[in-house]
C-alpha atoms as a PDB file:
ATOM      1  CA  MET A   1      49.968   7.860  18.945  1.00  0.00           C
ATOM      2  CA  GLU A   2      47.660   8.595  16.049  1.00  0.00           C
ATOM      3  CA  GLN A   3      49.477   9.982  13.026  1.00  0.00           C
ATOM      4  CA  GLN A   4      47.462  12.079  10.617  1.00  0.00           C
ATOM      5  CA  THR A   5      48.084  12.062   6.886  1.00  0.00           C
ATOM      6  CA  PRO A   6      49.005  15.589   5.773  1.00  0.00           C
ATOM      7  CA  GLN A   7      47.172  17.328   2.942  1.00  0.00           C
ATOM      8  CA  GLU A   8      49.495  17.293  -0.070  1.00  0.00           C
ATOM      9  CA  PHE A   9      49.628  19.602  -3.085  1.00  0.00           C
ATOM     10  CA  ILE A  10      51.844  19.201  -6.163  1.00  0.00           C
ATOM     11  CA  LEU A  11      52.862  22.254  -8.192  1.00  0.00           C
ATOM     12  CA  GLU A  12      54.849  22.675 -11.408  1.00  0.00           C
ATOM     13  CA  ALA A  13      57.546  25.235 -12.167  1.00  0.00           C
ATOM     14  CA  PHE A  14      59.332  25.819 -15.459  1.00  0.00           C
ATOM     15  CA  ALA A  15      62.314  28.135 -15.868  1.00  0.00           C
ATOM     16  CA  ASP A  16      65.550  28.809 -17.668  1.00  0.00           C
ATOM     17  CA  PRO A  17      68.762  28.728 -15.572  1.00  0.00           C
ATOM     18  CA  ALA A  18      68.794  32.493 -15.001  1.00  0.00           C
ATOM     19  CA  SER A  19      65.211  32.575 -13.696  1.00  0.00           C
ATOM     20  CA  VAL A  20      65.103  29.522 -11.405  1.00  0.00           C
ATOM     21  CA  ARG A  21      65.649  31.424  -8.168  1.00  0.00           C
ATOM     22  CA  ASP A  22      63.130  34.181  -8.991  1.00  0.00           C
ATOM     23  CA  VAL A  23      60.445  31.691 -10.048  1.00  0.00           C
ATOM     24  CA  VAL A  24      60.930  29.463  -6.993  1.00  0.00           C
ATOM     25  CA  ARG A  25      60.956  32.456  -4.631  1.00  0.00           C
ATOM     26  CA  GLY A  26      57.764  33.778  -6.215  1.00  0.00           C
ATOM     27  CA  ILE A  27      55.954  30.453  -5.808  1.00  0.00           C
ATOM     28  CA  LEU A  28      57.097  29.951  -2.205  1.00  0.00           C
ATOM     29  CA  HIS A  29      56.077  33.476  -1.197  1.00  0.00           C
ATOM     30  CA  THR A  30      52.663  32.875  -2.790  1.00  0.00           C
ATOM     31  CA  ILE A  31      52.231  29.719  -0.683  1.00  0.00           C
ATOM     32  CA  PHE A  32      53.296  31.476   2.520  1.00  0.00           C
ATOM     33  CA  PHE A  33      51.080  34.464   1.768  1.00  0.00           C
ATOM     34  CA  HIS A  34      48.118  32.136   2.337  1.00  0.00           C
ATOM     35  CA  ARG A  35      49.636  30.050   5.145  1.00  0.00           C
ATOM     36  CA  PHE A  36      51.730  32.493   7.214  1.00  0.00           C
ATOM     37  CA  PHE A  37      49.500  33.486  10.111  1.00  0.00           C
ATOM     38  CA  PRO A  38      51.487  36.287  11.827  1.00  0.00           C
ATOM     39  CA  SER A  39      50.206  39.755  11.036  1.00  0.00           C
ATOM     40  CA  VAL A  40      51.941  41.023   7.901  1.00  0.00           C
ATOM     41  CA  THR A  41      51.374  43.937   5.554  1.00  0.00           C
ATOM     42  CA  PRO A  42      50.363  42.688   2.076  1.00  0.00           C
ATOM     43  CA  ARG A  43      53.105  43.267  -0.476  1.00  0.00           C
ATOM     44  CA  SER A  44      53.664  42.192  -4.056  1.00  0.00           C
ATOM     45  CA  ARG A  45      56.617  41.618  -6.360  1.00  0.00           C
ATOM     46  CA  GLU A  46      56.880  41.231 -10.094  1.00  0.00           C
ATOM     47  CA  VAL A  47      58.199  37.912 -11.420  1.00  0.00           C
ATOM     48  CA  LEU A  48      58.264  37.421 -15.199  1.00  0.00           C
ATOM     49  CA  ASP A  49      55.882  40.386 -15.600  1.00  0.00           C
ATOM     50  CA  ILE A  50      53.407  38.719 -13.206  1.00  0.00           C
ATOM     51  CA  MET A  51      52.542  40.385  -9.898  1.00  0.00           C
ATOM     52  CA  LEU A  52      52.765  37.855  -7.063  1.00  0.00           C
ATOM     53  CA  PRO A  53      52.141  38.295  -3.321  1.00  0.00           C
ATOM     54  CA  TYR A  54      55.160  38.719  -1.091  1.00  0.00           C
ATOM     55  CA  VAL A  55      55.478  38.100   2.655  1.00  0.00           C
ATOM     56  CA  GLU A  56      57.604  40.801   4.260  1.00  0.00           C
ATOM     57  CA  ASP A  57      59.219  38.787   7.044  1.00  0.00           C
ATOM     58  CA  ALA A  58      63.024  38.804   7.362  1.00  0.00           C
ATOM     59  CA  GLU A  59      63.396  35.292   8.793  1.00  0.00           C
ATOM     60  CA  LEU A  60      61.069  33.715   6.229  1.00  0.00           C
ATOM     61  CA  ASP A  61      62.578  35.650   3.326  1.00  0.00           C
ATOM     62  CA  THR A  62      66.080  34.535   4.365  1.00  0.00           C
ATOM     63  CA  MET A  63      64.975  30.903   4.501  1.00  0.00           C
ATOM     64  CA  ILE A  64      63.266  31.106   1.097  1.00  0.00           C
ATOM     65  CA  GLU A  65      66.301  32.807  -0.439  1.00  0.00           C
ATOM     66  CA  LYS A  66      68.637  30.196   1.052  1.00  0.00           C
ATOM     67  CA  ARG A  67      66.614  27.224  -0.182  1.00  0.00           C
ATOM     68  CA  ALA A  68      66.012  28.733  -3.649  1.00  0.00           C
ATOM     69  CA  ALA A  69      69.759  29.330  -4.014  1.00  0.00           C
ATOM     70  CA  GLU A  70      70.468  25.771  -2.846  1.00  0.00           C
ATOM     71  CA  LEU A  71      68.114  24.342  -5.463  1.00  0.00           C
ATOM     72  CA  ALA A  72      69.627  26.564  -8.172  1.00  0.00           C
ATOM     73  CA  ARG A  73      73.129  25.329  -7.265  1.00  0.00           C
ATOM     74  CA  GLU A  74      72.058  21.689  -7.394  1.00  0.00           C
ATOM     75  CA  LEU A  75      70.345  22.176 -10.754  1.00  0.00           C
ATOM     76  CA  ASP A  76      73.429  23.993 -12.064  1.00  0.00           C
ATOM     77  CA  ALA A  77      75.652  21.103 -10.949  1.00  0.00           C
ATOM     78  CA  GLU A  78      73.252  18.656 -12.615  1.00  0.00           C
ATOM     79  CA  ARG A  79      73.386  20.636 -15.853  1.00  0.00           C
ATOM     80  CA  THR A  80      77.198  20.710 -15.768  1.00  0.00           C
ATOM     81  CA  HIS A  81      77.313  16.936 -15.319  1.00  0.00           C
ATOM     82  CA  SER A  82      74.702  16.483 -18.041  1.00  0.00           C
ATOM     83  CA  HIS A  83      76.689  18.636 -20.484  1.00  0.00           C
ATOM     84  CA  SER A  84      79.798  16.558 -19.857  1.00  0.00           C
ATOM     85  CA  HIS A  85      77.845  13.365 -20.513  1.00  0.00           C
ATOM     86  CA  GLN A  86      76.281  14.813 -23.666  1.00  0.00           C
ATOM     87  CA  GLN A  87      79.697  15.710 -25.052  1.00  0.00           C
ATOM     88  CA  GLN A  88      80.893  12.151 -24.480  1.00  0.00           C
ATOM     89  CA  THR A  89      77.790  10.516 -25.961  1.00  0.00           C
ATOM     90  CA  ARG A  90      76.923  13.351 -28.387  1.00  0.00           C
ATOM     91  CA  SER A  91      73.343  13.295 -27.166  1.00  0.00           C
ATOM     92  CA  SER A  92      71.057  16.149 -26.221  1.00  0.00           C
ATOM     93  CA  GLY A  93      69.168  16.607 -22.978  1.00  0.00           C
ATOM     94  CA  SER A  94      67.138  18.972 -20.827  1.00  0.00           C
ATOM     95  CA  GLY A  95      68.492  21.453 -18.312  1.00  0.00           C
ATOM     96  CA  GLY A  96      67.612  19.412 -15.241  1.00  0.00           C
ATOM     97  CA  ARG A  97      64.865  18.659 -12.741  1.00  0.00           C
ATOM     98  CA  GLY A  98      64.518  19.153  -9.028  1.00  0.00           C
ATOM     99  CA  ASN A  99      61.958  19.771  -6.353  1.00  0.00           C
ATOM    100  CA  ILE A 100      61.466  21.943  -3.305  1.00  0.00           C
ATOM    101  CA  SER A 101      58.892  21.262  -0.604  1.00  0.00           C
ATOM    102  CA  VAL A 102      57.190  23.290   2.110  1.00  0.00           C
ATOM    103  CA  GLN A 103      55.780  21.568   5.192  1.00  0.00           C
ATOM    104  CA  PHE A 104      53.595  23.082   7.895  1.00  0.00           C
ATOM    105  CA  PHE A 105      53.450  21.565  11.369  1.00  0.00           C
ATOM    106  CA  GLU A 106      51.113  21.590  14.328  1.00  0.00           C
ATOM    107  CA  LYS A 107      52.532  21.470  17.841  1.00  0.00           C
ATOM    108  CA  LYS A 108      50.844  18.927  20.101  1.00  0.00           C
ATOM    109  CA  ARG A 109      51.558  18.220  23.734  1.00  0.00           C
ATOM    110  CA  ARG A 110      52.866  14.763  24.371  1.00  0.00           C
ATOM    111  CA  LYS A 111      51.144  12.574  26.943  1.00  0.00           C
ATOM    112  CA  ALA A 112      52.596  12.721  30.439  1.00  0.00           C
ATOM    113  CA  TRP A 113      53.602   9.052  30.319  1.00  0.00           C
ATOM    114  CA  TYR A 114      55.422   9.632  27.012  1.00  0.00           C
ATOM    115  CA  LYS A 115      57.456  12.492  28.469  1.00  0.00           C
ATOM    116  CA  LEU A 116      58.365  10.372  31.487  1.00  0.00           C
ATOM    117  CA  ALA A 117      59.385   7.421  29.336  1.00  0.00           C
ATOM    118  CA  TYR A 118      61.087   9.160  26.420  1.00  0.00           C
ATOM    119  CA  GLY A 119      61.538  12.793  27.398  1.00  0.00           C
ATOM    120  CA  GLY A 120      61.242  15.619  24.909  1.00  0.00           C
ATOM    121  CA  GLY A 121      58.859  18.509  24.491  1.00  0.00           C
ATOM    122  CA  ASP A 122      55.894  19.038  22.198  1.00  0.00           C
ATOM    123  CA  GLU A 123      55.370  16.826  19.185  1.00  0.00           C
ATOM    124  CA  GLU A 124      55.321  18.424  15.723  1.00  0.00           C
ATOM    125  CA  ILE A 125      52.890  16.832  13.273  1.00  0.00           C
ATOM    126  CA  CYS A 126      52.850  17.779   9.592  1.00  0.00           C
ATOM    127  CA  TRP A 127      49.363  18.815   8.456  1.00  0.00           C
ATOM    128  CA  GLU A 128      50.153  20.179   4.996  1.00  0.00           C
ATOM    129  CA  CYS A 129      52.872  19.689   2.386  1.00  0.00           C
ATOM    130  CA  TRP A 130      53.483  21.536  -0.879  1.00  0.00           C
ATOM    131  CA  THR A 131      55.910  20.064  -3.424  1.00  0.00           C
ATOM    132  CA  VAL A 132      57.120  22.228  -6.294  1.00  0.00           C
ATOM    133  CA  LYS A 133      58.546  20.197  -9.181  1.00  0.00           C
ATOM    134  CA  VAL A 134      61.011  22.374 -11.061  1.00  0.00           C
ATOM    135  CA  THR A 135      62.017  21.759 -14.676  1.00  0.00           C
ATOM    136  CA  VAL A 136      64.861  23.778 -16.188  1.00  0.00           C
ATOM    137  CA  ALA A 137      65.120  24.404 -19.927  1.00  0.00           C
ATOM    138  CA  GLU A 138      68.176  25.709 -21.737  1.00  0.00           C
ATOM    139  CA  PRO A 139      67.170  27.600 -24.878  1.00  0.00           C
ATOM    140  CA  ARG A 140      70.000  28.031 -27.374  1.00  0.00           C
ATOM    141  CA  THR A 141      68.457  30.269 -30.046  1.00  0.00           C
ATOM    142  CA  ASP A 142      66.376  33.441 -29.978  1.00  0.00           C
ATOM    143  CA  SER A 143      63.375  31.474 -31.165  1.00  0.00           C
ATOM    144  CA  GLU A 144      63.803  28.928 -28.374  1.00  0.00           C
ATOM    145  CA  ARG A 145      64.287  31.709 -25.803  1.00  0.00           C
ATOM    146  CA  ALA A 146      61.014  33.342 -26.846  1.00  0.00           C
ATOM    147  CA  LYS A 147      59.149  30.034 -26.563  1.00  0.00           C
ATOM    148  CA  VAL A 148      60.693  29.242 -23.171  1.00  0.00           C
ATOM    149  CA  ARG A 149      59.895  32.715 -21.873  1.00  0.00           C
ATOM    150  CA  LYS A 150      56.244  32.341 -22.869  1.00  0.00           C
ATOM    151  CA  ALA A 151      56.076  28.859 -21.308  1.00  0.00           C
ATOM    152  CA  MET A 152      57.692  30.156 -18.099  1.00  0.00           C
ATOM    153  CA  GLU A 153      55.128  32.942 -17.754  1.00  0.00           C
ATOM    154  CA  GLN A 154      52.181  30.656 -18.500  1.00  0.00           C
ATOM    155  CA  THR A 155      53.357  27.950 -16.063  1.00  0.00           C
ATOM    156  CA  LEU A 156      53.994  30.474 -13.301  1.00  0.00           C
ATOM    157  CA  LEU A 157      50.563  32.064 -13.747  1.00  0.00           C
ATOM    158  CA  THR A 158      48.872  28.642 -13.778  1.00  0.00           C
ATOM    159  CA  THR A 159      50.758  27.595 -10.626  1.00  0.00           C
ATOM    160  CA  ALA A 160      49.883  30.819  -8.793  1.00  0.00           C
ATOM    161  CA  MET A 161      46.198  30.332  -9.637  1.00  0.00           C
ATOM    162  CA  LYS A 162      46.370  26.684  -8.550  1.00  0.00           C
ATOM    163  CA  ILE A 163      47.712  27.772  -5.137  1.00  0.00           C
ATOM    164  CA  VAL A 164      44.747  30.126  -4.702  1.00  0.00           C
ATOM    165  CA  THR A 165      42.324  27.372  -5.744  1.00  0.00           C
ATOM    166  CA  CYS A 166      43.916  24.852  -3.370  1.00  0.00           C
ATOM    167  CA  VAL A 167      43.847  27.111  -0.304  1.00  0.00           C
ATOM    168  CA  ASN A 168      40.246  28.142  -0.986  1.00  0.00           C
ATOM    169  CA  SER A 169      39.051  24.576  -1.605  1.00  0.00           C
ATOM    170  CA  HIS A 170      40.894  22.840   1.239  1.00  0.00           C
ATOM    171  CA  LYS A 171      40.398  24.413   4.654  1.00  0.00           C
ATOM    172  CA  ASP A 172      39.003  21.679   6.898  1.00  0.00           C
ATOM    173  CA  HIS A 173      42.431  20.148   7.567  1.00  0.00           C
ATOM    174  CA  ILE A 174      43.903  23.353   9.050  1.00  0.00           C
ATOM    175  CA  PRO A 175      44.431  22.755  12.781  1.00  0.00           C
ATOM    176  CA  PRO A 176      42.932  25.134  15.348  1.00  0.00           C
ATOM    177  CA  ILE A 177      45.287  27.797  16.674  1.00  0.00           C
ATOM    178  CA  THR A 178      45.929  26.878  20.308  1.00  0.00           C
ATOM    179  CA  THR A 179      48.960  29.030  21.034  1.00  0.00           C
ATOM    180  CA  SER A 180      49.609  32.724  21.504  1.00  0.00           C
ATOM    181  CA  GLU A 181      52.908  32.496  19.599  1.00  0.00           C
ATOM    182  CA  ALA A 182      53.263  34.876  16.668  1.00  0.00           C
ATOM    183  CA  ASN A 183      53.586  31.949  14.249  1.00  0.00           C
ATOM    184  CA  PRO A 184      51.403  29.062  15.501  1.00  0.00           C
ATOM    185  CA  PHE A 185      52.502  26.639  12.783  1.00  0.00           C
ATOM    186  CA  PRO A 186      56.232  25.873  12.403  1.00  0.00           C
ATOM    187  CA  TYR A 187      57.400  25.275   8.839  1.00  0.00           C
ATOM    188  CA  GLN A 188      60.240  23.636   6.956  1.00  0.00           C
ATOM    189  CA  ILE A 189      61.526  24.151   3.428  1.00  0.00           C
ATOM    190  CA  ASN A 190      63.486  21.239   1.939  1.00  0.00           C
ATOM    191  CA  VAL A 191      65.319  20.837  -1.365  1.00  0.00           C
ATOM    192  CA  ASN A 192      65.261  17.570  -3.339  1.00  0.00           C
ATOM    193  CA  GLN A 193      64.026  15.679  -0.304  1.00  0.00           C
ATOM    194  CA  LYS A 194      63.935  11.955  -1.021  1.00  0.00           C
ATOM    195  CA  ASP A 195      62.571  10.683   2.258  1.00  0.00           C
ATOM    196  CA  ALA A 196      60.738  12.446   5.071  1.00  0.00           C
ATOM    197  CA  GLY A 197      62.732  10.584   7.703  1.00  0.00           C
ATOM    198  CA  TRP A 198      63.569  11.211  11.322  1.00  0.00           C
ATOM    199  CA  ALA A 199      65.928  14.093  10.568  1.00  0.00           C
ATOM    200  CA  THR A 200      63.141  16.083   8.921  1.00  0.00           C
ATOM    201  CA  ARG A 201      60.654  15.363  11.677  1.00  0.00           C
ATOM    202  CA  MET A 202      63.218  16.405  14.291  1.00  0.00           C
ATOM    203  CA  GLY A 203      63.759  19.716  12.495  1.00  0.00           C
ATOM    204  CA  ILE A 204      67.322  18.976  11.360  1.00  0.00           C
ATOM    205  CA  TYR A 205      68.091  20.706   8.066  1.00  0.00           C
END
């Protein structure tokens, strides 16, 4: 069965430990604002003094909140381990790195012979993937905090504009809507995913 290569976009995020969840949520909602096809009322939220679009959907918001919190916990654990190592080696380091990805899928009917031989329902094929690479900084002085804050705002604004540019420049790969379901394209949000293996394709989180 022919497997298409999904359109991939790479985004950057920069935050201090206290802002990781807000920044990640803001970026994910901006992506879904352009890729969530059910009828929604346009909303906006302020993140780091920047107004970003917000998708008012309970199920999606819960998933975004859950994954953003998961990433924040992993980055926090990484920072704790890094601090312990720094104390032993007396070296300095950054606050940690991680990534969170969003994948959109198209449902395709399997061939009759495939269903007879292997069973199963529709096949889900990924047609677009967004990866957000998150870097955490830990400012220790007022001067550092001011610099980090400015860098956070600038990176977030640049990333939000890049999302708009990407969705406006790349449209040909979007599959036709062939279902009457409210959301024609299933999605997944994964944290620090190393390999898009069978578990991801089967929808196991």
